[in-house]
Amino acid sequence: MTGYLYQCELALLELARRSWQDPAVEVRMELLDDIEFLDPDKTPRELLQAKHREAAGPLSETGKDFWRSVASWIDALKKLSDPADAAMPLLRLVSTQTAPPGTFFQYLSDGPDRDETKALERMEETADDADGPVTTAEDRELFMQLAPARRQQLVRAITVNDAAPLMSDLDSSLAKELGITPSDHAQAALDEIKGWWYGMAVKLLERKNPQHMRPSVSAQELMCRRDEVTGRYIGKNLPITETLRHLTQAEIAGYNDRLVVTQMRWIGLPDDEVAMHLRDYHYARAQRSEWLRTFKITPERLDEYEGELHYEWETAFRRRTRRIRDDMSEEQRQNIGQEILDATMDRVADTQLRPGSVTAPWIGTGSAHGLSDQADTAEPDRQLGWHPDYQDRCQSPDESQEQ
């Protein structure tokens, strides 16, 4: 079990380490190898085998950890259509055990002792030894079945990183790579990022339900989540890149058939107020899209934020609709709807998108209108409207237009 958890946390550590030089790099797990790193075009650049042994000890030249890794790489490379040397991904073995001097592990290190010629010679001697252990016989034979040039090509791609930190020692390395400095909140921030990451790992490992799976996670996403978490403690504001202006008549007309406008019409708002609210909706959509595109915020945090906006709306809605009577006129219902809208706008304008920071009021008001635009298709905990009977009207929009 520790080995599986180690694989998940090592993937997080390695992704954080790469984020400084190459934020576009992506990670996935258990497809071609334990951990894979991809270029933006999804080409594998590195296949990584993670081996955790609590009793550190020395790596064995005939051991299962290495030779099963070799067999796994041979199989994975076949799935990559037998790539040419230039396209061969890096093949890494990360082990908590140590590489004894004079072994092919030492010659496969990424340090000054690396000697691919000596490594190949010793690997061939070990693989061809008839007295070698039965437990790795098939894997060693698979290596020897490769053409000599292919064996040489494979060895050139292999790197062994020994003496990797144990599971219990990963937190300090991870905090360093994430740029989390020692403070009263350092462990809380690290735990929160790891909690998010384990959720991502489940989606990376999901194979049966396409709705829940993720093909990969990028370093940009990790850094965005890090900024969200650490920003909560230092009050880092999100950058505003949109400049508010009145919408043109053509821009307003483009929304006429949208539910966001229909909902405002249901409560009898005049055109100038509809235009005012549409401005917030228009620019909030644009700003949120920019933040997502540039990895300033994660979709998960936006979803949490919309849940908070829905809570504020529900409070305003319940307080004002409890006095609704069946004999109330449509005009009275519209007036209550306008009260719900006004109260919601006041409440959501102060809701922080990034806790501990300042959020422009129109982000909250525009995002609330965004929820109203999806009231006919959203999940119940995201359905939002102004008219007391908005749910019935969303289900029968044609009939409501006649009222």
Protein backbone atom coordinates (compact mmCIF):
# COMPACT_ATOMS: atom_id res chain seq x y z
CA MET A 1 0.00 0.00 0.00
CA THR A 2 2.85 2.36 0.84
CA GLY A 3 4.27 1.70 -2.60
CA TYR A 4 1.08 2.86 -4.32
CA LEU A 5 0.85 5.97 -2.16
CA TYR A 6 4.53 6.63 -2.83
CA GLN A 7 3.87 6.47 -6.56
CA CYS A 8 1.11 9.12 -6.23
CA GLU A 9 3.20 11.46 -4.10
CA LEU A 10 6.33 10.98 -6.20
CA ALA A 11 4.31 11.99 -9.27
CA LEU A 12 3.31 15.18 -7.44
CA LEU A 13 6.91 15.89 -6.39
CA GLU A 14 8.26 15.31 -9.88
CA LEU A 15 5.57 17.50 -11.45
CA ALA A 16 6.34 20.32 -8.99
CA ARG A 17 10.06 19.99 -9.76
CA ARG A 18 9.43 20.38 -13.48
CA SER A 19 7.03 23.29 -13.11
CA TRP A 20 9.82 25.85 -12.73
CA GLN A 21 11.45 25.07 -16.07
CA ASP A 22 8.53 23.72 -18.10
CA PRO A 23 5.04 24.60 -16.82
CA ALA A 24 3.42 23.04 -19.90
CA VAL A 25 4.61 19.52 -19.02
CA GLU A 26 1.85 17.04 -18.14
CA VAL A 27 1.75 13.90 -16.01
CA ARG A 28 -0.35 10.76 -16.18
CA MET A 29 -0.19 7.45 -14.31
CA GLU A 30 -0.55 3.74 -14.98
CA LEU A 31 -0.96 3.89 -18.73
CA LEU A 32 2.44 3.16 -20.26
CA ASP A 33 4.27 3.18 -16.92
CA ASP A 34 3.90 3.98 -13.22
CA ILE A 35 4.35 7.67 -13.97
CA GLU A 36 4.67 9.37 -17.37
CA PHE A 37 5.58 12.90 -18.33
CA LEU A 38 4.26 14.24 -21.62
CA ASP A 39 4.94 17.10 -23.97
CA PRO A 40 1.96 19.38 -24.72
CA ASP A 41 1.30 17.32 -27.88
CA LYS A 42 0.93 14.24 -25.59
CA THR A 43 4.21 12.67 -26.74
CA PRO A 44 5.79 10.77 -23.82
CA ARG A 45 9.10 12.35 -22.86
CA GLU A 46 9.74 10.22 -19.77
CA LEU A 47 8.56 6.87 -18.37
CA LEU A 48 9.23 6.49 -14.65
CA GLN A 49 9.21 3.39 -12.46
CA ALA A 50 8.81 4.15 -8.74
CA LYS A 51 10.23 1.61 -6.27
CA HIS A 52 9.76 2.18 -2.55
CA ARG A 53 11.53 -0.08 -0.06
CA GLU A 54 11.46 0.95 3.59
CA ALA A 55 14.52 -1.20 4.26
CA ALA A 56 16.74 0.86 1.99
CA GLY A 57 19.63 -1.58 1.43
CA PRO A 58 21.47 -2.03 -1.89
CA LEU A 59 19.92 -2.54 -5.30
CA SER A 60 20.49 -6.02 -6.71
CA GLU A 61 21.67 -6.51 -10.28
CA THR A 62 19.46 -9.60 -10.50
CA GLY A 63 16.57 -8.13 -8.51
CA LYS A 64 12.93 -7.87 -9.57
CA ASP A 65 12.76 -4.09 -9.19
CA PHE A 66 15.13 -3.47 -12.06
CA TRP A 67 14.39 -6.30 -14.47
CA ARG A 68 10.63 -5.96 -14.23
CA SER A 69 11.10 -2.27 -14.97
CA VAL A 70 13.13 -3.19 -18.06
CA ALA A 71 10.38 -5.58 -19.20
CA SER A 72 7.78 -2.90 -18.63
CA TRP A 73 9.76 -0.39 -20.71
CA ILE A 74 10.23 -2.87 -23.56
CA ASP A 75 6.47 -3.44 -23.63
CA ALA A 76 5.69 0.29 -23.43
CA LEU A 77 8.07 1.13 -26.28
CA LYS A 78 6.29 -1.39 -28.50
CA LYS A 79 3.07 0.54 -27.89
CA LEU A 80 4.87 3.70 -28.99
CA SER A 81 5.38 2.18 -32.46
CA ASP A 82 9.03 1.36 -31.95
CA PRO A 83 10.30 4.96 -31.85
CA ALA A 84 13.55 6.06 -33.38
CA ASP A 85 16.47 7.02 -31.19
CA ALA A 86 15.59 10.72 -31.32
CA ALA A 87 12.07 9.99 -30.11
CA MET A 88 13.03 7.52 -27.38
CA PRO A 89 11.68 8.79 -24.04
CA LEU A 90 13.83 8.90 -20.95
CA LEU A 91 13.42 5.68 -18.93
CA ARG A 92 13.91 6.35 -15.20
CA LEU A 93 14.03 4.04 -12.23
CA VAL A 94 13.58 5.94 -8.96
CA SER A 95 14.42 3.75 -5.99
CA THR A 96 14.81 4.31 -2.29
CA GLN A 97 17.58 1.71 -2.32
CA THR A 98 21.23 2.52 -3.04
CA ALA A 99 23.40 1.64 -6.03
CA PRO A 100 26.52 -0.34 -5.00
CA PRO A 101 29.81 0.78 -6.59
CA GLY A 102 30.87 -1.13 -9.68
CA THR A 103 27.35 -2.28 -10.59
CA PHE A 104 25.50 -1.31 -13.74
CA PHE A 105 23.32 0.87 -11.50
CA GLN A 106 26.31 3.12 -10.91
CA TYR A 107 27.00 3.25 -14.65
CA LEU A 108 23.35 4.17 -15.33
CA SER A 109 23.32 7.09 -12.91
CA ASP A 110 22.98 10.65 -14.14
CA GLY A 111 26.24 11.65 -12.45
CA PRO A 112 29.91 11.63 -13.45
CA ASP A 113 30.11 7.82 -13.14
CA ARG A 114 27.70 7.23 -16.00
CA ASP A 115 29.18 4.83 -18.56
CA GLU A 116 26.62 3.35 -20.94
CA THR A 117 29.11 0.96 -22.53
CA LYS A 118 30.05 -0.64 -19.19
CA ALA A 119 26.40 -0.67 -18.15
CA LEU A 120 25.40 -2.58 -21.28
CA GLU A 121 28.20 -5.11 -20.84
CA ARG A 122 27.26 -5.86 -17.24
CA MET A 123 23.53 -5.97 -18.02
CA GLU A 124 24.15 -8.50 -20.81
CA GLU A 125 26.36 -10.62 -18.52
CA THR A 126 23.72 -10.56 -15.79
CA ALA A 127 20.81 -11.20 -18.13
CA ASP A 128 22.59 -14.11 -19.87
CA ASP A 129 23.62 -15.84 -16.62
CA ALA A 130 21.95 -19.25 -16.54
CA ASP A 131 22.44 -19.37 -12.76
CA GLY A 132 20.46 -16.19 -12.23
CA PRO A 133 17.28 -16.23 -10.12
CA VAL A 134 14.14 -17.79 -11.61
CA THR A 135 12.08 -14.78 -10.48
CA THR A 136 13.65 -12.55 -13.16
CA ALA A 137 14.50 -15.17 -15.79
CA GLU A 138 11.71 -14.20 -18.21
CA ASP A 139 12.43 -10.49 -17.90
CA ARG A 140 16.17 -10.98 -18.46
CA GLU A 141 15.48 -13.21 -21.44
CA LEU A 142 13.17 -10.56 -22.91
CA PHE A 143 16.07 -8.10 -22.77
CA MET A 144 18.47 -10.53 -24.48
CA GLN A 145 15.93 -11.21 -27.24
CA LEU A 146 16.28 -7.61 -28.39
CA ALA A 147 18.63 -6.95 -31.30
CA PRO A 148 22.07 -5.72 -30.12
CA ALA A 149 21.45 -2.24 -31.52
CA ARG A 150 18.10 -2.10 -29.76
CA ARG A 151 19.65 -3.16 -26.44
CA GLN A 152 22.21 -0.39 -26.80
CA GLN A 153 19.46 2.09 -27.63
CA LEU A 154 17.45 1.01 -24.59
CA VAL A 155 20.39 1.29 -22.21
CA ARG A 156 21.21 4.79 -23.45
CA ALA A 157 17.68 5.85 -22.44
CA ILE A 158 17.81 4.37 -18.90
CA THR A 159 18.69 6.46 -15.85
CA VAL A 160 18.75 5.08 -12.31
CA ASN A 161 18.16 7.50 -9.45
CA ASP A 162 18.97 5.69 -6.23
CA ALA A 163 18.67 6.73 -2.58
CA ALA A 164 15.41 8.57 -3.25
CA PRO A 165 13.63 9.92 -0.14
CA LEU A 166 11.35 7.54 1.69
CA MET A 167 7.61 8.13 1.82
CA SER A 168 7.95 9.67 5.28
CA ASP A 169 10.54 12.16 3.98
CA LEU A 170 8.73 13.40 0.88
CA ASP A 171 6.92 16.34 2.51
CA SER A 172 10.04 18.45 3.01
CA SER A 173 11.14 17.93 -0.60
CA LEU A 174 7.64 18.66 -1.86
CA ALA A 175 7.34 21.87 0.17
CA LYS A 176 10.67 23.06 -1.24
CA GLU A 177 9.67 22.36 -4.85
CA LEU A 178 6.31 24.06 -4.35
CA GLY A 179 7.96 27.12 -2.85
CA ILE A 180 6.16 26.74 0.48
CA THR A 181 8.39 28.39 3.07
CA PRO A 182 8.41 27.39 6.75
CA SER A 183 5.59 29.19 8.59
CA ASP A 184 2.69 28.57 10.93
CA HIS A 185 0.55 27.61 7.93
CA ALA A 186 3.10 25.63 5.90
CA GLN A 187 1.86 22.17 6.86
CA ALA A 188 -1.79 23.15 6.43
CA ALA A 189 -1.05 24.50 2.95
CA LEU A 190 0.91 21.39 2.00
CA ASP A 191 -1.82 19.08 3.28
CA GLU A 192 -4.43 20.98 1.27
CA ILE A 193 -2.42 20.70 -1.94
CA LYS A 194 -1.87 17.00 -1.34
CA GLY A 195 -5.58 16.53 -0.72
CA TRP A 196 -6.32 18.15 -4.07
CA TRP A 197 -3.66 16.01 -5.71
CA TYR A 198 -5.08 12.73 -4.42
CA GLY A 199 -8.40 13.76 -5.96
CA MET A 200 -6.59 14.34 -9.25
CA ALA A 201 -4.82 10.98 -8.91
CA VAL A 202 -8.16 9.19 -8.63
CA LYS A 203 -9.28 10.86 -11.86
CA LEU A 204 -5.99 9.95 -13.56
CA LEU A 205 -6.44 6.31 -12.56
CA GLU A 206 -10.15 6.15 -13.47
CA ARG A 207 -10.67 4.08 -16.60
CA LYS A 208 -14.33 3.00 -16.59
CA ASN A 209 -16.21 6.29 -16.17
CA PRO A 210 -15.25 8.90 -18.79
CA GLN A 211 -17.12 11.62 -16.88
CA HIS A 212 -14.77 11.27 -13.91
CA MET A 213 -11.46 10.53 -15.61
CA ARG A 214 -8.66 12.92 -16.48
CA PRO A 215 -6.14 12.05 -19.21
CA SER A 216 -3.40 14.14 -17.59
CA VAL A 217 -2.61 17.02 -15.23
CA SER A 218 -0.26 19.84 -16.19
CA ALA A 219 2.33 21.60 -14.08
CA GLN A 220 0.42 24.82 -14.73
CA GLU A 221 -2.63 23.37 -12.98
CA LEU A 222 -0.52 22.37 -9.99
CA MET A 223 1.02 25.83 -9.73
CA CYS A 224 -2.42 27.39 -10.01
CA ARG A 225 -3.66 25.27 -7.13
CA ARG A 226 -0.56 26.13 -5.12
CA ASP A 227 -1.22 29.84 -5.65
CA GLU A 228 -4.84 29.42 -4.57
CA VAL A 229 -3.87 27.64 -1.38
CA THR A 230 -0.92 29.81 -0.39
CA GLY A 231 -2.81 32.94 -1.47
CA ARG A 232 -5.44 32.14 1.12
CA TYR A 233 -2.85 32.82 3.80
CA ILE A 234 -1.25 35.87 2.25
CA GLY A 235 -4.30 37.47 0.62
CA LYS A 236 -3.03 37.44 -2.96
CA ASN A 237 -5.54 39.06 -5.31
CA LEU A 238 -6.38 37.74 -8.76
CA PRO A 239 -5.36 40.11 -11.57
CA ILE A 240 -8.18 42.02 -13.30
CA THR A 241 -7.53 42.30 -17.03
CA GLU A 242 -11.02 43.29 -18.21
CA THR A 243 -11.99 46.98 -18.47
CA LEU A 244 -15.67 47.66 -17.82
CA ARG A 245 -17.63 49.68 -20.34
CA HIS A 246 -21.26 49.86 -21.38
CA LEU A 247 -22.22 47.16 -23.84
CA THR A 248 -23.25 48.18 -27.34
CA GLN A 249 -26.80 47.55 -28.52
CA ALA A 250 -25.46 44.80 -30.76
CA GLU A 251 -23.75 43.08 -27.82
CA ILE A 252 -26.92 43.33 -25.73
CA ALA A 253 -29.02 41.98 -28.60
CA GLY A 254 -26.74 38.95 -28.77
CA TYR A 255 -28.03 37.87 -25.37
CA ASN A 256 -31.75 38.40 -26.07
CA ASP A 257 -32.47 34.69 -26.49
CA ARG A 258 -30.44 33.63 -23.48
CA LEU A 259 -32.03 32.47 -20.24
CA VAL A 260 -30.05 35.11 -18.31
CA VAL A 261 -32.15 37.80 -20.02
CA THR A 262 -35.38 35.80 -19.91
CA GLN A 263 -35.04 35.48 -16.15
CA MET A 264 -34.77 39.25 -15.79
CA ARG A 265 -37.77 39.74 -18.09
CA TRP A 266 -39.82 37.40 -15.89
CA ILE A 267 -39.52 39.88 -13.01
CA GLY A 268 -40.25 42.89 -15.18
CA LEU A 269 -36.86 44.62 -15.24
CA PRO A 270 -36.68 47.60 -17.61
CA ASP A 271 -34.19 47.59 -20.49
CA ASP A 272 -31.65 49.87 -18.79
CA GLU A 273 -31.40 47.57 -15.77
CA VAL A 274 -31.16 44.49 -17.98
CA ALA A 275 -28.25 46.16 -19.79
CA MET A 276 -26.57 47.00 -16.47
CA HIS A 277 -26.75 43.39 -15.25
CA LEU A 278 -25.68 42.05 -18.65
CA ARG A 279 -22.52 44.14 -18.43
CA ASP A 280 -21.50 42.36 -15.22
CA TYR A 281 -22.39 38.99 -16.72
CA HIS A 282 -20.47 39.68 -19.93
CA TYR A 283 -17.24 40.80 -18.26
CA ALA A 284 -17.34 38.23 -15.47
CA ARG A 285 -17.51 35.49 -18.11
CA ALA A 286 -14.59 37.00 -20.00
CA GLN A 287 -12.46 37.49 -16.88
CA ARG A 288 -13.11 33.99 -15.56
CA SER A 289 -12.25 32.50 -18.94
CA GLU A 290 -8.99 34.44 -18.94
CA TRP A 291 -8.11 33.21 -15.46
CA LEU A 292 -8.78 29.62 -16.47
CA ARG A 293 -6.87 29.95 -19.73
CA THR A 294 -3.80 31.40 -18.02
CA PHE A 295 -4.02 29.06 -15.02
CA LYS A 296 -4.72 31.77 -12.48
CA ILE A 297 -7.51 29.68 -10.95
CA THR A 298 -8.64 26.08 -11.13
CA PRO A 299 -12.04 24.82 -12.31
CA GLU A 300 -12.40 23.21 -8.89
CA ARG A 301 -12.13 26.54 -7.09
CA LEU A 302 -14.60 28.16 -9.50
CA ASP A 303 -17.06 25.37 -8.75
CA GLU A 304 -16.61 25.94 -5.02
CA TYR A 305 -17.13 29.66 -5.57
CA GLU A 306 -20.36 29.08 -7.47
CA GLY A 307 -21.54 26.92 -4.60
CA GLU A 308 -20.93 29.86 -2.25
CA LEU A 309 -22.85 32.21 -4.57
CA HIS A 310 -25.73 29.73 -4.69
CA TYR A 311 -25.82 29.68 -0.90
CA GLU A 312 -26.11 33.48 -0.79
CA TRP A 313 -28.88 33.42 -3.39
CA GLU A 314 -30.77 30.67 -1.57
CA THR A 315 -30.77 32.69 1.66
CA ALA A 316 -32.28 35.69 -0.14
CA PHE A 317 -34.73 33.53 -2.08
CA ARG A 318 -36.09 31.56 0.90
CA ARG A 319 -36.57 34.62 3.08
CA ARG A 320 -38.66 36.38 0.47
CA THR A 321 -40.67 33.51 -1.01
CA ARG A 322 -41.96 32.24 2.34
CA ARG A 323 -44.65 34.93 2.21
CA ILE A 324 -45.85 33.91 -1.26
CA ARG A 325 -49.60 33.12 -1.42
CA ASP A 326 -51.50 31.42 -4.20
CA ASP A 327 -53.75 34.44 -4.68
CA MET A 328 -50.88 36.88 -5.25
CA SER A 329 -50.93 38.71 -8.57
CA GLU A 330 -48.20 38.43 -11.15
CA GLU A 331 -47.16 42.01 -10.43
CA GLN A 332 -46.69 41.17 -6.74
CA ARG A 333 -44.64 38.10 -7.68
CA GLN A 334 -42.48 40.17 -9.97
CA ASN A 335 -41.87 42.69 -7.18
CA ILE A 336 -40.72 39.88 -4.88
CA GLY A 337 -38.48 38.62 -7.69
CA GLN A 338 -36.87 42.05 -7.97
CA GLU A 339 -36.26 42.02 -4.21
CA ILE A 340 -34.60 38.59 -4.55
CA LEU A 341 -32.38 39.87 -7.36
CA ASP A 342 -31.36 43.03 -5.48
CA ALA A 343 -30.65 41.15 -2.23
CA THR A 344 -28.63 38.50 -4.06
CA MET A 345 -26.56 41.10 -5.88
CA ASP A 346 -25.73 42.78 -2.56
CA ARG A 347 -24.72 39.49 -0.96
CA VAL A 348 -22.63 38.01 -3.79
CA ALA A 349 -20.76 41.26 -4.52
CA ASP A 350 -18.75 40.71 -1.33
CA THR A 351 -18.11 36.98 -1.82
CA GLN A 352 -14.39 36.39 -2.23
CA LEU A 353 -13.29 34.28 -5.16
CA ARG A 354 -9.96 33.66 -3.50
CA PRO A 355 -10.41 33.60 0.30
CA GLY A 356 -8.37 36.27 2.04
CA SER A 357 -8.25 38.48 -1.05
CA VAL A 358 -10.37 41.20 -2.63
CA THR A 359 -12.71 40.29 -5.48
CA ALA A 360 -14.21 42.92 -7.79
CA PRO A 361 -17.98 43.12 -7.04
CA TRP A 362 -18.95 42.52 -10.67
CA ILE A 363 -17.22 39.14 -10.62
CA GLY A 364 -19.72 37.94 -8.02
CA THR A 365 -22.79 39.60 -9.52
CA GLY A 366 -21.88 38.53 -13.06
CA SER A 367 -21.16 34.96 -11.92
CA ALA A 368 -24.59 34.81 -10.22
CA HIS A 369 -26.16 35.80 -13.53
CA GLY A 370 -24.08 33.07 -15.11
CA LEU A 371 -25.80 30.56 -12.83
CA SER A 372 -29.20 32.01 -13.75
CA ASP A 373 -28.33 31.41 -17.42
CA GLN A 374 -27.95 27.67 -16.69
CA ALA A 375 -30.98 27.22 -14.40
CA ASP A 376 -32.72 24.93 -16.89
CA THR A 377 -29.80 22.48 -17.21
CA ALA A 378 -27.69 22.77 -14.03
CA GLU A 379 -27.65 20.41 -11.07
CA PRO A 380 -30.13 21.33 -8.29
CA ASP A 381 -27.39 22.84 -6.12
CA ARG A 382 -26.52 25.27 -8.92
CA GLN A 383 -30.03 26.21 -10.13
CA LEU A 384 -30.76 29.85 -9.48
CA GLY A 385 -33.51 32.29 -10.46
CA TRP A 386 -35.28 35.50 -9.54
CA HIS A 387 -38.99 34.96 -10.11
CA PRO A 388 -40.65 32.94 -7.29
CA ASP A 389 -41.87 30.48 -9.94
CA TYR A 390 -38.65 30.40 -11.97
CA GLN A 391 -38.31 26.59 -11.75
CA ASP A 392 -41.72 25.97 -13.29
CA ARG A 393 -41.03 28.56 -15.95
CA CYS A 394 -37.66 27.01 -16.81
CA GLN A 395 -39.41 23.71 -17.38
CA SER A 396 -42.06 25.33 -19.63
CA PRO A 397 -40.40 28.45 -21.09
CA ASP A 398 -42.88 28.76 -23.96
CA GLU A 399 -45.86 28.91 -21.63
CA SER A 400 -44.16 31.45 -19.37
CA GLN A 401 -43.58 33.81 -22.29
CA GLU A 402 -47.33 34.00 -22.77
CA GLN A 403 -47.95 35.18 -19.19
